[in-house]
PDB file of all heavy atoms in Angstrom:
ATOM      1  N   MET A   1      14.934 -48.009 -38.675  1.00  0.00           N
ATOM      2  CA  MET A   1      15.135 -47.899 -40.112  1.00  0.00           C
ATOM      3  C   MET A   1      14.409 -46.656 -40.601  1.00  0.00           C
ATOM      4  O   MET A   1      13.248 -46.445 -40.286  1.00  0.00           O
ATOM      5  CB  MET A   1      14.594 -49.145 -40.820  1.00  0.00           C
ATOM      6  CG  MET A   1      14.682 -49.063 -42.312  1.00  0.00           C
ATOM      7  SD  MET A   1      14.315 -50.581 -43.233  1.00  0.00           S
ATOM      8  CE  MET A   1      12.718 -51.033 -42.650  1.00  0.00           C
ATOM      9  N   LYS A   2      15.122 -45.855 -41.350  1.00  0.00           N
ATOM     10  CA  LYS A   2      14.531 -44.664 -41.951  1.00  0.00           C
ATOM     11  C   LYS A   2      14.136 -45.015 -43.379  1.00  0.00           C
ATOM     12  O   LYS A   2      14.956 -45.498 -44.149  1.00  0.00           O
ATOM     13  CB  LYS A   2      15.535 -43.520 -41.933  1.00  0.00           C
ATOM     14  CG  LYS A   2      14.989 -42.225 -42.457  1.00  0.00           C
ATOM     15  CD  LYS A   2      15.975 -41.096 -42.274  1.00  0.00           C
ATOM     16  CE  LYS A   2      15.384 -39.791 -42.765  1.00  0.00           C
ATOM     17  NZ  LYS A   2      16.322 -38.679 -42.572  1.00  0.00           N
ATOM     18  N   VAL A   3      12.881 -44.775 -43.720  1.00  0.00           N
ATOM     19  CA  VAL A   3      12.369 -45.135 -45.045  1.00  0.00           C
ATOM     20  C   VAL A   3      12.217 -43.884 -45.906  1.00  0.00           C
ATOM     21  O   VAL A   3      11.664 -42.878 -45.472  1.00  0.00           O
ATOM     22  CB  VAL A   3      11.011 -45.865 -44.925  1.00  0.00           C
ATOM     23  CG1 VAL A   3      10.454 -46.186 -46.301  1.00  0.00           C
ATOM     24  CG2 VAL A   3      11.161 -47.136 -44.101  1.00  0.00           C
ATOM     25  N   PHE A   4      12.740 -43.972 -47.127  1.00  0.00           N
ATOM     26  CA  PHE A   4      12.597 -42.923 -48.127  1.00  0.00           C
ATOM     27  C   PHE A   4      11.622 -43.415 -49.182  1.00  0.00           C
ATOM     28  O   PHE A   4      11.697 -44.571 -49.606  1.00  0.00           O
ATOM     29  CB  PHE A   4      13.947 -42.605 -48.777  1.00  0.00           C
ATOM     30  CG  PHE A   4      14.963 -42.054 -47.815  1.00  0.00           C
ATOM     31  CD1 PHE A   4      15.797 -42.908 -47.112  1.00  0.00           C
ATOM     32  CD2 PHE A   4      15.069 -40.687 -47.603  1.00  0.00           C
ATOM     33  CE1 PHE A   4      16.727 -42.413 -46.220  1.00  0.00           C
ATOM     34  CE2 PHE A   4      16.011 -40.186 -46.712  1.00  0.00           C
ATOM     35  CZ  PHE A   4      16.836 -41.043 -46.016  1.00  0.00           C
ATOM     36  N   GLY A   5      10.742 -42.554 -49.637  1.00  0.00           N
ATOM     37  CA  GLY A   5       9.730 -42.945 -50.613  1.00  0.00           C
ATOM     38  C   GLY A   5      10.283 -43.280 -51.984  1.00  0.00           C
ATOM     39  O   GLY A   5       9.716 -44.077 -52.716  1.00  0.00           O
ATOM     40  N   THR A   6      11.422 -42.667 -52.333  1.00  0.00           N
ATOM     41  CA  THR A   6      12.036 -42.900 -53.639  1.00  0.00           C
ATOM     42  C   THR A   6      13.561 -42.857 -53.504  1.00  0.00           C
ATOM     43  O   THR A   6      14.089 -42.341 -52.519  1.00  0.00           O
ATOM     44  CB  THR A   6      11.631 -41.817 -54.666  1.00  0.00           C
ATOM     45  OG1 THR A   6      12.138 -40.559 -54.220  1.00  0.00           O
ATOM     46  CG2 THR A   6      10.129 -41.751 -54.864  1.00  0.00           C
ATOM     47  N   ILE A   7      14.230 -43.390 -54.503  1.00  0.00           N
ATOM     48  CA  ILE A   7      15.691 -43.315 -54.538  1.00  0.00           C
ATOM     49  C   ILE A   7      16.136 -41.866 -54.648  1.00  0.00           C
ATOM     50  O   ILE A   7      17.139 -41.467 -54.068  1.00  0.00           O
ATOM     51  CB  ILE A   7      16.242 -44.178 -55.688  1.00  0.00           C
ATOM     52  CG1 ILE A   7      16.049 -45.658 -55.353  1.00  0.00           C
ATOM     53  CG2 ILE A   7      17.710 -43.873 -55.958  1.00  0.00           C
ATOM     54  CD1 ILE A   7      16.421 -46.618 -56.450  1.00  0.00           C
ATOM     55  N   GLU A   8      15.360 -41.052 -55.362  1.00  0.00           N
ATOM     56  CA  GLU A   8      15.695 -39.635 -55.497  1.00  0.00           C
ATOM     57  C   GLU A   8      15.703 -38.939 -54.136  1.00  0.00           C
ATOM     58  O   GLU A   8      16.573 -38.114 -53.857  1.00  0.00           O
ATOM     59  CB  GLU A   8      14.706 -38.945 -56.431  1.00  0.00           C
ATOM     60  CG  GLU A   8      14.861 -39.353 -57.877  1.00  0.00           C
ATOM     61  CD  GLU A   8      13.780 -38.760 -58.766  1.00  0.00           C
ATOM     62  OE1 GLU A   8      12.960 -37.952 -58.276  1.00  0.00           O
ATOM     63  OE2 GLU A   8      13.756 -39.103 -59.951  1.00  0.00           O
ATOM     64  N   ALA A   9      14.741 -39.258 -53.288  1.00  0.00           N
ATOM     65  CA  ALA A   9      14.689 -38.663 -51.949  1.00  0.00           C
ATOM     66  C   ALA A   9      15.872 -39.135 -51.105  1.00  0.00           C
ATOM     67  O   ALA A   9      16.458 -38.354 -50.350  1.00  0.00           O
ATOM     68  CB  ALA A   9      13.374 -39.026 -51.268  1.00  0.00           C
ATOM     69  N   TYR A  10      16.245 -40.399 -51.240  1.00  0.00           N
ATOM     70  CA  TYR A  10      17.387 -40.944 -50.499  1.00  0.00           C
ATOM     71  C   TYR A  10      18.701 -40.305 -50.953  1.00  0.00           C
ATOM     72  O   TYR A  10      19.595 -40.073 -50.148  1.00  0.00           O
ATOM     73  CB  TYR A  10      17.445 -42.467 -50.677  1.00  0.00           C
ATOM     74  CG  TYR A  10      18.766 -43.081 -50.293  1.00  0.00           C
ATOM     75  CD1 TYR A  10      19.215 -43.045 -48.979  1.00  0.00           C
ATOM     76  CD2 TYR A  10      19.576 -43.682 -51.246  1.00  0.00           C
ATOM     77  CE1 TYR A  10      20.435 -43.596 -48.623  1.00  0.00           C
ATOM     78  CE2 TYR A  10      20.790 -44.235 -50.895  1.00  0.00           C
ATOM     79  CZ  TYR A  10      21.213 -44.192 -49.584  1.00  0.00           C
ATOM     80  OH  TYR A  10      22.421 -44.737 -49.244  1.00  0.00           O
ATOM     81  N   LYS A  11      18.803 -39.982 -52.215  1.00  0.00           N
ATOM     82  CA  LYS A  11      20.047 -39.445 -52.783  1.00  0.00           C
ATOM     83  C   LYS A  11      20.504 -38.192 -52.050  1.00  0.00           C
ATOM     84  O   LYS A  11      21.704 -37.947 -51.894  1.00  0.00           O
ATOM     85  CB  LYS A  11      19.844 -39.158 -54.275  1.00  0.00           C
ATOM     86  CG  LYS A  11      21.081 -38.668 -54.977  1.00  0.00           C
ATOM     87  CD  LYS A  11      20.817 -38.450 -56.455  1.00  0.00           C
ATOM     88  CE  LYS A  11      22.041 -37.911 -57.157  1.00  0.00           C
ATOM     89  NZ  LYS A  11      21.807 -37.683 -58.569  1.00  0.00           N
ATOM     90  N   GLU A  12      19.565 -37.390 -51.573  1.00  0.00           N
ATOM     91  CA  GLU A  12      19.908 -36.137 -50.883  1.00  0.00           C
ATOM     92  C   GLU A  12      20.679 -36.393 -49.590  1.00  0.00           C
ATOM     93  O   GLU A  12      21.486 -35.576 -49.179  1.00  0.00           O
ATOM     94  CB  GLU A  12      18.638 -35.334 -50.601  1.00  0.00           C
ATOM     95  CG  GLU A  12      17.941 -34.880 -51.865  1.00  0.00           C
ATOM     96  CD  GLU A  12      16.600 -34.240 -51.589  1.00  0.00           C
ATOM     97  OE1 GLU A  12      16.288 -33.954 -50.412  1.00  0.00           O
ATOM     98  OE2 GLU A  12      15.862 -34.027 -52.560  1.00  0.00           O
ATOM     99  N   GLU A  13      20.435 -37.524 -48.912  1.00  0.00           N
ATOM    100  CA  GLU A  13      21.090 -37.827 -47.641  1.00  0.00           C
ATOM    101  C   GLU A  13      22.084 -38.978 -47.747  1.00  0.00           C
ATOM    102  O   GLU A  13      22.652 -39.400 -46.745  1.00  0.00           O
ATOM    103  CB  GLU A  13      20.040 -38.182 -46.590  1.00  0.00           C
ATOM    104  CG  GLU A  13      19.139 -37.042 -46.225  1.00  0.00           C
ATOM    105  CD  GLU A  13      18.192 -37.388 -45.096  1.00  0.00           C
ATOM    106  OE1 GLU A  13      18.590 -38.152 -44.195  1.00  0.00           O
ATOM    107  OE2 GLU A  13      17.059 -36.903 -45.125  1.00  0.00           O
ATOM    108  N   ALA A  14      22.279 -39.505 -48.938  1.00  0.00           N
ATOM    109  CA  ALA A  14      23.107 -40.701 -49.128  1.00  0.00           C
ATOM    110  C   ALA A  14      24.575 -40.436 -48.819  1.00  0.00           C
ATOM    111  O   ALA A  14      25.101 -39.374 -49.118  1.00  0.00           O
ATOM    112  CB  ALA A  14      22.965 -41.190 -50.563  1.00  0.00           C
ATOM    113  N   LYS A  15      25.191 -41.441 -48.197  1.00  0.00           N
ATOM    114  CA  LYS A  15      26.623 -41.392 -47.923  1.00  0.00           C
ATOM    115  C   LYS A  15      27.235 -42.727 -48.340  1.00  0.00           C
ATOM    116  O   LYS A  15      26.599 -43.783 -48.202  1.00  0.00           O
ATOM    117  CB  LYS A  15      26.886 -41.187 -46.431  1.00  0.00           C
ATOM    118  CG  LYS A  15      26.404 -39.865 -45.880  1.00  0.00           C
ATOM    119  CD  LYS A  15      26.777 -39.695 -44.434  1.00  0.00           C
ATOM    120  CE  LYS A  15      26.228 -40.695 -43.500  1.00  0.00           C
ATOM    121  NZ  LYS A  15      24.881 -40.634 -43.077  1.00  0.00           N
ATOM    122  N   LYS A  16      28.442 -42.678 -48.849  1.00  0.00           N
ATOM    123  CA  LYS A  16      29.145 -43.901 -49.225  1.00  0.00           C
ATOM    124  C   LYS A  16      29.215 -44.825 -48.009  1.00  0.00           C
ATOM    125  O   LYS A  16      29.521 -44.381 -46.905  1.00  0.00           O
ATOM    126  CB  LYS A  16      30.561 -43.569 -49.705  1.00  0.00           C
ATOM    127  CG  LYS A  16      31.339 -44.769 -50.151  1.00  0.00           C
ATOM    128  CD  LYS A  16      32.713 -44.387 -50.644  1.00  0.00           C
ATOM    129  CE  LYS A  16      33.478 -45.634 -51.042  1.00  0.00           C
ATOM    130  NZ  LYS A  16      34.803 -45.308 -51.555  1.00  0.00           N
ATOM    131  N   GLY A  17      28.901 -46.108 -48.226  1.00  0.00           N
ATOM    132  CA  GLY A  17      28.932 -47.083 -47.142  1.00  0.00           C
ATOM    133  C   GLY A  17      27.598 -47.290 -46.458  1.00  0.00           C
ATOM    134  O   GLY A  17      27.482 -48.152 -45.580  1.00  0.00           O
ATOM    135  N   ASP A  18      26.567 -46.502 -46.815  1.00  0.00           N
ATOM    136  CA  ASP A  18      25.230 -46.712 -46.241  1.00  0.00           C
ATOM    137  C   ASP A  18      24.773 -48.139 -46.491  1.00  0.00           C
ATOM    138  O   ASP A  18      25.010 -48.705 -47.563  1.00  0.00           O
ATOM    139  CB  ASP A  18      24.205 -45.770 -46.888  1.00  0.00           C
ATOM    140  CG  ASP A  18      24.226 -44.369 -46.319  1.00  0.00           C
ATOM    141  OD1 ASP A  18      24.896 -44.147 -45.301  1.00  0.00           O
ATOM    142  OD2 ASP A  18      23.561 -43.503 -46.912  1.00  0.00           O
ATOM    143  N   ARG A  19      24.103 -48.707 -45.527  1.00  0.00           N
ATOM    144  CA  ARG A  19      23.514 -50.037 -45.697  1.00  0.00           C
ATOM    145  C   ARG A  19      22.001 -49.865 -45.787  1.00  0.00           C
ATOM    146  O   ARG A  19      21.400 -49.198 -44.947  1.00  0.00           O
ATOM    147  CB  ARG A  19      23.904 -50.929 -44.533  1.00  0.00           C
ATOM    148  CG  ARG A  19      25.384 -51.219 -44.553  1.00  0.00           C
ATOM    149  CD  ARG A  19      25.725 -52.328 -43.599  1.00  0.00           C
ATOM    150  NE  ARG A  19      27.103 -52.712 -43.773  1.00  0.00           N
ATOM    151  CZ  ARG A  19      28.080 -52.368 -42.937  1.00  0.00           C
ATOM    152  NH1 ARG A  19      27.810 -51.634 -41.894  1.00  0.00           N
ATOM    153  NH2 ARG A  19      29.309 -52.774 -43.149  1.00  0.00           N
ATOM    154  N   PHE A  20      21.404 -50.474 -46.825  1.00  0.00           N
ATOM    155  CA  PHE A  20      19.980 -50.266 -47.058  1.00  0.00           C
ATOM    156  C   PHE A  20      19.338 -51.492 -47.684  1.00  0.00           C
ATOM    157  O   PHE A  20      20.015 -52.388 -48.175  1.00  0.00           O
ATOM    158  CB  PHE A  20      19.754 -49.043 -47.957  1.00  0.00           C
ATOM    159  CG  PHE A  20      20.378 -49.156 -49.321  1.00  0.00           C
ATOM    160  CD1 PHE A  20      19.644 -49.657 -50.371  1.00  0.00           C
ATOM    161  CD2 PHE A  20      21.687 -48.763 -49.548  1.00  0.00           C
ATOM    162  CE1 PHE A  20      20.205 -49.762 -51.644  1.00  0.00           C
ATOM    163  CE2 PHE A  20      22.255 -48.857 -50.803  1.00  0.00           C
ATOM    164  CZ  PHE A  20      21.510 -49.366 -51.848  1.00  0.00           C
ATOM    165  N   VAL A  21      18.012 -51.523 -47.628  1.00  0.00           N
ATOM    166  CA  VAL A  21      17.218 -52.531 -48.327  1.00  0.00           C
ATOM    167  C   VAL A  21      16.302 -51.781 -49.283  1.00  0.00           C
ATOM    168  O   VAL A  21      15.969 -50.615 -49.062  1.00  0.00           O
ATOM    169  CB  VAL A  21      16.393 -53.405 -47.347  1.00  0.00           C
ATOM    170  CG1 VAL A  21      17.294 -54.303 -46.540  1.00  0.00           C
ATOM    171  CG2 VAL A  21      15.535 -52.563 -46.432  1.00  0.00           C
ATOM    172  N   LEU A  22      15.930 -52.453 -50.356  1.00  0.00           N
ATOM    173  CA  LEU A  22      15.053 -51.845 -51.357  1.00  0.00           C
ATOM    174  C   LEU A  22      13.636 -52.367 -51.194  1.00  0.00           C
ATOM    175  O   LEU A  22      13.433 -53.557 -50.957  1.00  0.00           O
ATOM    176  CB  LEU A  22      15.552 -52.161 -52.765  1.00  0.00           C
ATOM    177  CG  LEU A  22      16.884 -51.528 -53.150  1.00  0.00           C
ATOM    178  CD1 LEU A  22      17.357 -52.079 -54.488  1.00  0.00           C
ATOM    179  CD2 LEU A  22      16.765 -50.018 -53.207  1.00  0.00           C
ATOM    180  N   GLY A  23      12.671 -51.474 -51.334  1.00  0.00           N
ATOM    181  CA  GLY A  23      11.274 -51.877 -51.313  1.00  0.00           C
ATOM    182  C   GLY A  23      10.917 -52.591 -52.595  1.00  0.00           C
ATOM    183  O   GLY A  23      11.566 -52.415 -53.625  1.00  0.00           O
ATOM    184  N   GLY A  24       9.895 -53.400 -52.533  1.00  0.00           N
ATOM    185  CA  GLY A  24       9.496 -54.177 -53.698  1.00  0.00           C
ATOM    186  C   GLY A  24       8.714 -53.380 -54.706  1.00  0.00           C
ATOM    187  O   GLY A  24       8.091 -52.381 -54.385  1.00  0.00           O
ATOM    188  N   VAL A  25       8.766 -53.827 -55.938  1.00  0.00           N
ATOM    189  CA  VAL A  25       7.951 -53.231 -56.992  1.00  0.00           C
ATOM    190  C   VAL A  25       6.957 -54.273 -57.503  1.00  0.00           C
ATOM    191  O   VAL A  25       6.274 -54.043 -58.475  1.00  0.00           O
ATOM    192  CB  VAL A  25       8.822 -52.699 -58.162  1.00  0.00           C
ATOM    193  CG1 VAL A  25       9.611 -51.497 -57.709  1.00  0.00           C
ATOM    194  CG2 VAL A  25       9.739 -53.760 -58.695  1.00  0.00           C
ATOM    195  N   GLY A  26       6.883 -55.381 -56.833  1.00  0.00           N
ATOM    196  CA  GLY A  26       5.980 -56.474 -57.215  1.00  0.00           C
ATOM    197  C   GLY A  26       5.270 -57.015 -55.989  1.00  0.00           C
ATOM    198  O   GLY A  26       4.833 -56.263 -55.132  1.00  0.00           O
ATOM    199  N   ILE A  27       5.212 -58.323 -55.881  1.00  0.00           N
ATOM    200  CA  ILE A  27       4.493 -58.977 -54.789  1.00  0.00           C
ATOM    201  C   ILE A  27       5.222 -58.827 -53.454  1.00  0.00           C
ATOM    202  O   ILE A  27       4.617 -58.551 -52.435  1.00  0.00           O
ATOM    203  CB  ILE A  27       4.283 -60.474 -55.119  1.00  0.00           C
ATOM    204  CG1 ILE A  27       3.409 -60.606 -56.352  1.00  0.00           C
ATOM    205  CG2 ILE A  27       3.687 -61.213 -53.940  1.00  0.00           C
ATOM    206  CD1 ILE A  27       3.296 -62.008 -56.894  1.00  0.00           C
TER     207      ILE A  27
END
């Protein structure tokens, strides 16, 4: 799994159909 620190950083390499999980902003 490749982790991006922010959605903005991911946007540069994003491709339609990518499968991803989102990091938490809480507990």
